[in-house]
Amino acid sequence: MNALITEGKDDGYFAAALIEDINKEGENCSFEQYTSLGGLDQRTLVNDLEGKLGEIRRGKIQRIGILIDQDLFSKEERLSFFNEVIKKAFDKEHVLKDTDTLYGVEVEEDTSVEIACHFMNVNGQGELETVLRAIKTKDSPHADCLNTWRDCLKAHGTSITEKEFVKNWIRDYIRLDTCSSSKFRGNKGKYCSMNCLNNILARKGDKAIFDLKATELTDLRAFLSLFKNKED
């Protein structure tokens, strides 16, 4: 069994949508177990991995993927964070040397699990919303005009972080720029906010507002493709 641990539930929805798209190309990738941490905390992640030890020992879990935001950290800092987690959970040091690669972790004699990680980012920084903004498919006048709003805030001595700005950008892109049809307008709670990202990602064809084949997703798609079903 393959298990995926994500920082938030939306990362899990996004991964599931990408896997569906990857499998249309003849792959056979899947995660039978999804876990959302509800935020990134070292102790929570250690506890989650320790909680999987029983299933690992019984051969139920063979591979674990971990998907978190890179934020403003360097790749090396994030790898160091993960290696500290693995040391605390499995008492193994310097296991992960790179992203998007499976590494074997010996849990005990004759028992091991493969682990790989990926950091959500664009050009080495960011999170899921940063990625979504980079792969948008529709015109975004409402969202783009937030640049003027940010300039106005700056002129009045108020600043907004890039993280906050991008979250606002995605909010307006989804709610104002891409929910124009009567179907969506009448069901805003179901189709027009990040709270329903799973429904948004289910839009196909010309209704799709994100490009799941964008070059910005090459590394993430490669990471998810590591998790082919065992018979493959």
C-alpha atoms as a PDB file:
ATOM      1  CA  MET A   1       0.000   0.000   0.000  1.00  0.00           C
ATOM      2  CA  ASN A   2       1.122   3.550  -0.733  1.00  0.00           C
ATOM      3  CA  ALA A   3       0.438   6.275   1.849  1.00  0.00           C
ATOM      4  CA  LEU A   4       0.489  10.028   1.244  1.00  0.00           C
ATOM      5  CA  ILE A   5       1.001  12.566   4.022  1.00  0.00           C
ATOM      6  CA  THR A   6       0.154  16.166   3.146  1.00  0.00           C
ATOM      7  CA  GLU A   7       0.410  19.446   4.988  1.00  0.00           C
ATOM      8  CA  GLY A   8      -3.246  20.246   4.278  1.00  0.00           C
ATOM      9  CA  LYS A   9      -6.294  18.562   2.781  1.00  0.00           C
ATOM     10  CA  ASP A  10      -6.159  20.735  -0.356  1.00  0.00           C
ATOM     11  CA  ASP A  11      -2.719  19.328  -1.172  1.00  0.00           C
ATOM     12  CA  GLY A  12      -4.311  15.885  -1.040  1.00  0.00           C
ATOM     13  CA  TYR A  13      -7.096  16.943  -3.412  1.00  0.00           C
ATOM     14  CA  PHE A  14      -4.533  18.384  -5.800  1.00  0.00           C
ATOM     15  CA  ALA A  15      -2.392  15.244  -5.679  1.00  0.00           C
ATOM     16  CA  ALA A  16      -5.465  13.063  -6.338  1.00  0.00           C
ATOM     17  CA  ALA A  17      -6.420  15.156  -9.380  1.00  0.00           C
ATOM     18  CA  LEU A  18      -2.880  14.911 -10.758  1.00  0.00           C
ATOM     19  CA  ILE A  19      -2.773  11.149 -10.226  1.00  0.00           C
ATOM     20  CA  GLU A  20      -6.038  10.799 -12.143  1.00  0.00           C
ATOM     21  CA  ASP A  21      -4.507  12.792 -14.998  1.00  0.00           C
ATOM     22  CA  ILE A  22      -1.224  10.841 -14.874  1.00  0.00           C
ATOM     23  CA  ASN A  23      -3.070   7.534 -15.020  1.00  0.00           C
ATOM     24  CA  LYS A  24      -4.866   8.614 -18.194  1.00  0.00           C
ATOM     25  CA  GLU A  25      -1.433   8.361 -19.830  1.00  0.00           C
ATOM     26  CA  GLY A  26      -1.226   4.653 -19.020  1.00  0.00           C
ATOM     27  CA  GLU A  27       0.377   4.791 -15.578  1.00  0.00           C
ATOM     28  CA  ASN A  28      -1.041   2.927 -12.593  1.00  0.00           C
ATOM     29  CA  CYS A  29      -0.312   5.176  -9.633  1.00  0.00           C
ATOM     30  CA  SER A  30      -2.355   5.426  -6.477  1.00  0.00           C
ATOM     31  CA  PHE A  31      -2.387   6.146  -2.767  1.00  0.00           C
ATOM     32  CA  GLU A  32      -4.605   3.899  -0.706  1.00  0.00           C
ATOM     33  CA  GLN A  33      -4.125   6.038   2.396  1.00  0.00           C
ATOM     34  CA  TYR A  34      -4.246   9.848   2.654  1.00  0.00           C
ATOM     35  CA  THR A  35      -3.359  11.784   5.801  1.00  0.00           C
ATOM     36  CA  SER A  36      -3.656  15.568   6.222  1.00  0.00           C
ATOM     37  CA  LEU A  37      -1.551  17.042   9.020  1.00  0.00           C
ATOM     38  CA  GLY A  38      -3.635  20.202   9.240  1.00  0.00           C
ATOM     39  CA  GLY A  39      -0.458  22.297   9.211  1.00  0.00           C
ATOM     40  CA  LEU A  40       3.232  21.536   9.397  1.00  0.00           C
ATOM     41  CA  ASP A  41       4.563  20.630  12.820  1.00  0.00           C
ATOM     42  CA  GLN A  42       7.557  18.377  13.381  1.00  0.00           C
ATOM     43  CA  ARG A  43       6.060  16.518  16.331  1.00  0.00           C
ATOM     44  CA  THR A  44       2.787  15.906  14.470  1.00  0.00           C
ATOM     45  CA  LEU A  45       4.653  14.451  11.491  1.00  0.00           C
ATOM     46  CA  VAL A  46       6.823  12.277  13.734  1.00  0.00           C
ATOM     47  CA  ASN A  47       3.705  10.994  15.506  1.00  0.00           C
ATOM     48  CA  ASP A  48       2.047  10.204  12.188  1.00  0.00           C
ATOM     49  CA  LEU A  49       5.037   8.192  10.953  1.00  0.00           C
ATOM     50  CA  GLU A  50       5.328   6.384  14.283  1.00  0.00           C
ATOM     51  CA  GLY A  51       1.624   5.594  14.058  1.00  0.00           C
ATOM     52  CA  LYS A  52       2.250   3.830  10.739  1.00  0.00           C
ATOM     53  CA  LEU A  53       4.893   1.492  12.202  1.00  0.00           C
ATOM     54  CA  GLY A  54       2.410  -1.296  12.841  1.00  0.00           C
ATOM     55  CA  GLU A  55       1.198  -1.284   9.226  1.00  0.00           C
ATOM     56  CA  ILE A  56       4.785  -1.116   7.969  1.00  0.00           C
ATOM     57  CA  ARG A  57       5.758  -4.145  10.083  1.00  0.00           C
ATOM     58  CA  ARG A  58       2.763  -6.087   8.749  1.00  0.00           C
ATOM     59  CA  GLY A  59       3.701  -5.221   5.179  1.00  0.00           C
ATOM     60  CA  LYS A  60       0.580  -3.121   4.714  1.00  0.00           C
ATOM     61  CA  ILE A  61       2.500   0.074   3.842  1.00  0.00           C
ATOM     62  CA  GLN A  62       5.436  -0.242   1.462  1.00  0.00           C
ATOM     63  CA  ARG A  63       5.864   3.373   0.341  1.00  0.00           C
ATOM     64  CA  ILE A  64       5.204   6.758   1.941  1.00  0.00           C
ATOM     65  CA  GLY A  65       5.060  10.081   0.101  1.00  0.00           C
ATOM     66  CA  ILE A  66       5.265  13.335   2.033  1.00  0.00           C
ATOM     67  CA  LEU A  67       4.052  16.554   0.401  1.00  0.00           C
ATOM     68  CA  ILE A  68       4.597  19.917   2.089  1.00  0.00           C
ATOM     69  CA  ASP A  69       5.017  23.581   1.165  1.00  0.00           C
ATOM     70  CA  GLN A  70       8.515  24.897   0.588  1.00  0.00           C
ATOM     71  CA  ASP A  71       7.468  28.389   1.739  1.00  0.00           C
ATOM     72  CA  LEU A  72      10.552  30.626   2.111  1.00  0.00           C
ATOM     73  CA  PHE A  73      12.873  27.798   3.133  1.00  0.00           C
ATOM     74  CA  SER A  74      15.644  26.488   0.915  1.00  0.00           C
ATOM     75  CA  LYS A  75      15.495  22.953  -0.434  1.00  0.00           C
ATOM     76  CA  GLU A  76      18.399  22.017   1.833  1.00  0.00           C
ATOM     77  CA  GLU A  77      16.596  23.366   4.897  1.00  0.00           C
ATOM     78  CA  ARG A  78      13.481  21.386   4.078  1.00  0.00           C
ATOM     79  CA  LEU A  79      15.494  18.178   3.532  1.00  0.00           C
ATOM     80  CA  SER A  80      17.198  18.753   6.870  1.00  0.00           C
ATOM     81  CA  PHE A  81      13.770  19.119   8.493  1.00  0.00           C
ATOM     82  CA  PHE A  82      12.628  15.807   7.004  1.00  0.00           C
ATOM     83  CA  ASN A  83      15.788  13.979   8.024  1.00  0.00           C
ATOM     84  CA  GLU A  84      15.294  15.158  11.608  1.00  0.00           C
ATOM     85  CA  VAL A  85      11.734  13.793  11.473  1.00  0.00           C
ATOM     86  CA  ILE A  86      12.910  10.413  10.153  1.00  0.00           C
ATOM     87  CA  LYS A  87      15.626  10.228  12.805  1.00  0.00           C
ATOM     88  CA  LYS A  88      13.048  10.782  15.550  1.00  0.00           C
ATOM     89  CA  ALA A  89      10.489   8.392  14.035  1.00  0.00           C
ATOM     90  CA  PHE A  90      12.769   5.574  12.831  1.00  0.00           C
ATOM     91  CA  ASP A  91      16.175   6.308  14.414  1.00  0.00           C
ATOM     92  CA  LYS A  92      17.858   6.569  10.994  1.00  0.00           C
ATOM     93  CA  GLU A  93      20.081   9.467   9.961  1.00  0.00           C
ATOM     94  CA  HIS A  94      20.537  11.371   6.670  1.00  0.00           C
ATOM     95  CA  VAL A  95      18.076   9.192   4.752  1.00  0.00           C
ATOM     96  CA  LEU A  96      16.689  11.752   2.287  1.00  0.00           C
ATOM     97  CA  LYS A  97      19.338  13.230  -0.003  1.00  0.00           C
ATOM     98  CA  ASP A  98      16.994  14.766  -2.581  1.00  0.00           C
ATOM     99  CA  THR A  99      13.352  15.341  -3.392  1.00  0.00           C
ATOM    100  CA  ASP A 100      11.222  13.239  -5.753  1.00  0.00           C
ATOM    101  CA  THR A 101      13.279  10.099  -5.069  1.00  0.00           C
ATOM    102  CA  LEU A 102      12.374   7.009  -3.049  1.00  0.00           C
ATOM    103  CA  TYR A 103      14.798   6.083  -0.282  1.00  0.00           C
ATOM    104  CA  GLY A 104      14.680   2.869   1.724  1.00  0.00           C
ATOM    105  CA  VAL A 105      14.385   3.120   5.506  1.00  0.00           C
ATOM    106  CA  GLU A 106      15.069  -0.031   7.528  1.00  0.00           C
ATOM    107  CA  VAL A 107      12.581   0.040  10.377  1.00  0.00           C
ATOM    108  CA  GLU A 108      13.901  -3.160  11.944  1.00  0.00           C
ATOM    109  CA  GLU A 109      15.588  -6.320  10.728  1.00  0.00           C
ATOM    110  CA  ASP A 110      13.845  -7.562   7.565  1.00  0.00           C
ATOM    111  CA  THR A 111      11.364  -4.666   7.678  1.00  0.00           C
ATOM    112  CA  SER A 112      11.703  -1.510   5.613  1.00  0.00           C
ATOM    113  CA  VAL A 113       9.673   1.221   3.959  1.00  0.00           C
ATOM    114  CA  GLU A 114      10.423   3.551   1.052  1.00  0.00           C
ATOM    115  CA  ILE A 115       9.953   7.278   1.594  1.00  0.00           C
ATOM    116  CA  ALA A 116       9.990  10.211  -0.831  1.00  0.00           C
ATOM    117  CA  CYS A 117       9.197  13.897  -0.347  1.00  0.00           C
ATOM    118  CA  HIS A 118       8.181  16.837  -2.508  1.00  0.00           C
ATOM    119  CA  PHE A 119       8.014  20.529  -1.698  1.00  0.00           C
ATOM    120  CA  MET A 120       5.244  22.588  -3.291  1.00  0.00           C
ATOM    121  CA  ASN A 121       6.953  25.556  -4.937  1.00  0.00           C
ATOM    122  CA  VAL A 122       7.477  27.680  -8.018  1.00  0.00           C
ATOM    123  CA  ASN A 123      11.087  28.678  -8.665  1.00  0.00           C
ATOM    124  CA  GLY A 124      12.138  27.441  -5.245  1.00  0.00           C
ATOM    125  CA  GLN A 125       9.557  29.203  -3.079  1.00  0.00           C
ATOM    126  CA  GLY A 126       5.879  29.111  -2.227  1.00  0.00           C
ATOM    127  CA  GLU A 127       3.032  26.736  -1.500  1.00  0.00           C
ATOM    128  CA  LEU A 128      -0.024  25.208  -3.168  1.00  0.00           C
ATOM    129  CA  GLU A 129      -1.595  28.596  -3.950  1.00  0.00           C
ATOM    130  CA  THR A 130       1.652  29.715  -5.592  1.00  0.00           C
ATOM    131  CA  VAL A 131       1.510  26.675  -7.842  1.00  0.00           C
ATOM    132  CA  LEU A 132      -2.172  27.196  -8.648  1.00  0.00           C
ATOM    133  CA  ARG A 133      -1.536  30.807  -9.625  1.00  0.00           C
ATOM    134  CA  ALA A 134       1.257  29.702 -11.984  1.00  0.00           C
ATOM    135  CA  ILE A 135      -0.948  27.150 -13.774  1.00  0.00           C
ATOM    136  CA  LYS A 136      -4.166  29.165 -14.163  1.00  0.00           C
ATOM    137  CA  THR A 137      -5.841  28.845 -17.565  1.00  0.00           C
ATOM    138  CA  LYS A 138      -8.374  31.679 -17.638  1.00  0.00           C
ATOM    139  CA  ASP A 139      -8.150  35.458 -17.883  1.00  0.00           C
ATOM    140  CA  SER A 140      -7.845  36.935 -14.400  1.00  0.00           C
ATOM    141  CA  PRO A 141      -8.692  40.665 -14.436  1.00  0.00           C
ATOM    142  CA  HIS A 142     -10.203  40.708 -10.947  1.00  0.00           C
ATOM    143  CA  ALA A 143      -7.302  38.843  -9.397  1.00  0.00           C
ATOM    144  CA  ASP A 144      -4.660  40.782 -11.325  1.00  0.00           C
ATOM    145  CA  CYS A 145      -6.094  44.112 -10.194  1.00  0.00           C
ATOM    146  CA  LEU A 146      -5.029  43.157  -6.681  1.00  0.00           C
ATOM    147  CA  ASN A 147      -1.602  44.428  -7.730  1.00  0.00           C
ATOM    148  CA  THR A 148      -3.063  47.941  -7.676  1.00  0.00           C
ATOM    149  CA  TRP A 149      -4.600  47.247  -4.275  1.00  0.00           C
ATOM    150  CA  ARG A 150      -1.205  46.144  -2.956  1.00  0.00           C
ATOM    151  CA  ASP A 151       0.422  49.303  -4.326  1.00  0.00           C
ATOM    152  CA  CYS A 152      -2.288  51.345  -2.636  1.00  0.00           C
ATOM    153  CA  LEU A 153      -1.625  49.634   0.686  1.00  0.00           C
ATOM    154  CA  LYS A 154       2.073  50.361   0.318  1.00  0.00           C
ATOM    155  CA  ALA A 155       1.361  54.030  -0.414  1.00  0.00           C
ATOM    156  CA  HIS A 156      -0.589  54.191   2.853  1.00  0.00           C
ATOM    157  CA  GLY A 157       2.234  52.602   4.840  1.00  0.00           C
ATOM    158  CA  THR A 158       0.654  49.159   5.079  1.00  0.00           C
ATOM    159  CA  SER A 159       2.254  46.014   3.730  1.00  0.00           C
ATOM    160  CA  ILE A 160       0.985  42.546   2.894  1.00  0.00           C
ATOM    161  CA  THR A 161       3.139  39.436   2.698  1.00  0.00           C
ATOM    162  CA  GLU A 162       3.512  37.565  -0.574  1.00  0.00           C
ATOM    163  CA  LYS A 163       1.826  34.566   1.056  1.00  0.00           C
ATOM    164  CA  GLU A 164      -1.224  36.658   1.973  1.00  0.00           C
ATOM    165  CA  PHE A 165      -1.282  38.306  -1.436  1.00  0.00           C
ATOM    166  CA  VAL A 166      -1.256  35.019  -3.347  1.00  0.00           C
ATOM    167  CA  LYS A 167      -4.038  33.594  -1.166  1.00  0.00           C
ATOM    168  CA  ASN A 168      -6.142  36.675  -1.973  1.00  0.00           C
ATOM    169  CA  TRP A 169      -5.255  36.354  -5.663  1.00  0.00           C
ATOM    170  CA  ILE A 170      -6.433  32.731  -5.780  1.00  0.00           C
ATOM    171  CA  ARG A 171      -9.605  33.654  -3.877  1.00  0.00           C
ATOM    172  CA  ASP A 172     -10.571  36.306  -6.443  1.00  0.00           C
ATOM    173  CA  TYR A 173      -9.506  34.195  -9.425  1.00  0.00           C
ATOM    174  CA  ILE A 174     -11.782  31.375  -8.319  1.00  0.00           C
ATOM    175  CA  ARG A 175     -14.689  33.463  -6.998  1.00  0.00           C
ATOM    176  CA  LEU A 176     -14.771  36.382  -9.446  1.00  0.00           C
ATOM    177  CA  ASP A 177     -12.869  35.422 -12.593  1.00  0.00           C
ATOM    178  CA  THR A 178     -13.968  31.816 -13.111  1.00  0.00           C
ATOM    179  CA  CYS A 179     -17.416  31.452 -11.505  1.00  0.00           C
ATOM    180  CA  SER A 180     -19.379  33.338 -14.141  1.00  0.00           C
ATOM    181  CA  SER A 181     -21.740  30.627 -15.388  1.00  0.00           C
ATOM    182  CA  SER A 182     -25.206  30.347 -13.871  1.00  0.00           C
ATOM    183  CA  LYS A 183     -24.387  26.847 -12.639  1.00  0.00           C
ATOM    184  CA  PHE A 184     -21.462  28.120 -10.591  1.00  0.00           C
ATOM    185  CA  ARG A 185     -23.120  31.373  -9.475  1.00  0.00           C
ATOM    186  CA  GLY A 186     -25.989  29.402  -7.998  1.00  0.00           C
ATOM    187  CA  ASN A 187     -23.646  27.062  -6.139  1.00  0.00           C
ATOM    188  CA  LYS A 188     -20.841  29.295  -4.920  1.00  0.00           C
ATOM    189  CA  GLY A 189     -20.396  27.239  -1.788  1.00  0.00           C
ATOM    190  CA  LYS A 190     -19.759  24.180  -3.950  1.00  0.00           C
ATOM    191  CA  TYR A 191     -17.702  25.590  -6.817  1.00  0.00           C
ATOM    192  CA  CYS A 192     -16.308  29.024  -6.020  1.00  0.00           C
ATOM    193  CA  SER A 193     -13.788  28.907  -3.171  1.00  0.00           C
ATOM    194  CA  MET A 194     -10.676  27.056  -2.030  1.00  0.00           C
ATOM    195  CA  ASN A 195     -12.960  25.261   0.435  1.00  0.00           C
ATOM    196  CA  CYS A 196     -14.231  23.192  -2.487  1.00  0.00           C
ATOM    197  CA  LEU A 197     -10.966  22.706  -4.412  1.00  0.00           C
ATOM    198  CA  ASN A 198     -11.862  19.068  -5.065  1.00  0.00           C
ATOM    199  CA  ASN A 199     -14.945  20.185  -7.026  1.00  0.00           C
ATOM    200  CA  ILE A 200     -12.980  22.857  -8.864  1.00  0.00           C
ATOM    201  CA  LEU A 201     -10.331  20.349  -9.926  1.00  0.00           C
ATOM    202  CA  ALA A 202     -13.070  18.044 -11.231  1.00  0.00           C
ATOM    203  CA  ARG A 203     -13.932  20.571 -13.962  1.00  0.00           C
ATOM    204  CA  LYS A 204     -12.839  19.206 -17.330  1.00  0.00           C
ATOM    205  CA  GLY A 205     -12.241  20.565 -20.813  1.00  0.00           C
ATOM    206  CA  ASP A 206     -12.862  24.271 -21.296  1.00  0.00           C
ATOM    207  CA  LYS A 207     -14.297  24.479 -17.764  1.00  0.00           C
ATOM    208  CA  ALA A 208     -10.918  23.597 -16.221  1.00  0.00           C
ATOM    209  CA  ILE A 209      -9.360  26.654 -14.595  1.00  0.00           C
ATOM    210  CA  PHE A 210      -5.986  25.044 -13.847  1.00  0.00           C
ATOM    211  CA  ASP A 211      -3.638  23.295 -16.296  1.00  0.00           C
ATOM    212  CA  LEU A 212      -2.659  19.956 -14.771  1.00  0.00           C
ATOM    213  CA  LYS A 213      -0.072  19.398 -17.527  1.00  0.00           C
ATOM    214  CA  ALA A 214       1.762  22.698 -16.984  1.00  0.00           C
ATOM    215  CA  THR A 215       5.558  22.599 -16.925  1.00  0.00           C
ATOM    216  CA  GLU A 216       5.484  23.940 -13.368  1.00  0.00           C
ATOM    217  CA  LEU A 217       4.101  20.528 -12.339  1.00  0.00           C
ATOM    218  CA  THR A 218       6.802  18.396 -13.978  1.00  0.00           C
ATOM    219  CA  ASP A 219       8.600  17.591 -10.722  1.00  0.00           C
ATOM    220  CA  LEU A 220       5.398  17.012  -8.770  1.00  0.00           C
ATOM    221  CA  ARG A 221       4.090  14.654 -11.446  1.00  0.00           C
ATOM    222  CA  ALA A 222       7.424  12.790 -11.343  1.00  0.00           C
ATOM    223  CA  PHE A 223       7.098  12.488  -7.549  1.00  0.00           C
ATOM    224  CA  LEU A 224       3.570  11.075  -7.783  1.00  0.00           C
ATOM    225  CA  SER A 225       4.630   8.693 -10.571  1.00  0.00           C
ATOM    226  CA  LEU A 226       6.976   7.005  -8.101  1.00  0.00           C
ATOM    227  CA  PHE A 227       3.939   5.484  -6.427  1.00  0.00           C
ATOM    228  CA  LYS A 228       2.916   2.902  -8.976  1.00  0.00           C
ATOM    229  CA  ASN A 229       0.897  -0.031  -7.764  1.00  0.00           C
ATOM    230  CA  LYS A 230       3.161  -2.833  -6.596  1.00  0.00           C
ATOM    231  CA  GLU A 231       2.273  -5.197  -9.418  1.00  0.00           C
ATOM    232  CA  ASP A 232       3.801  -2.678 -11.851  1.00  0.00           C
END
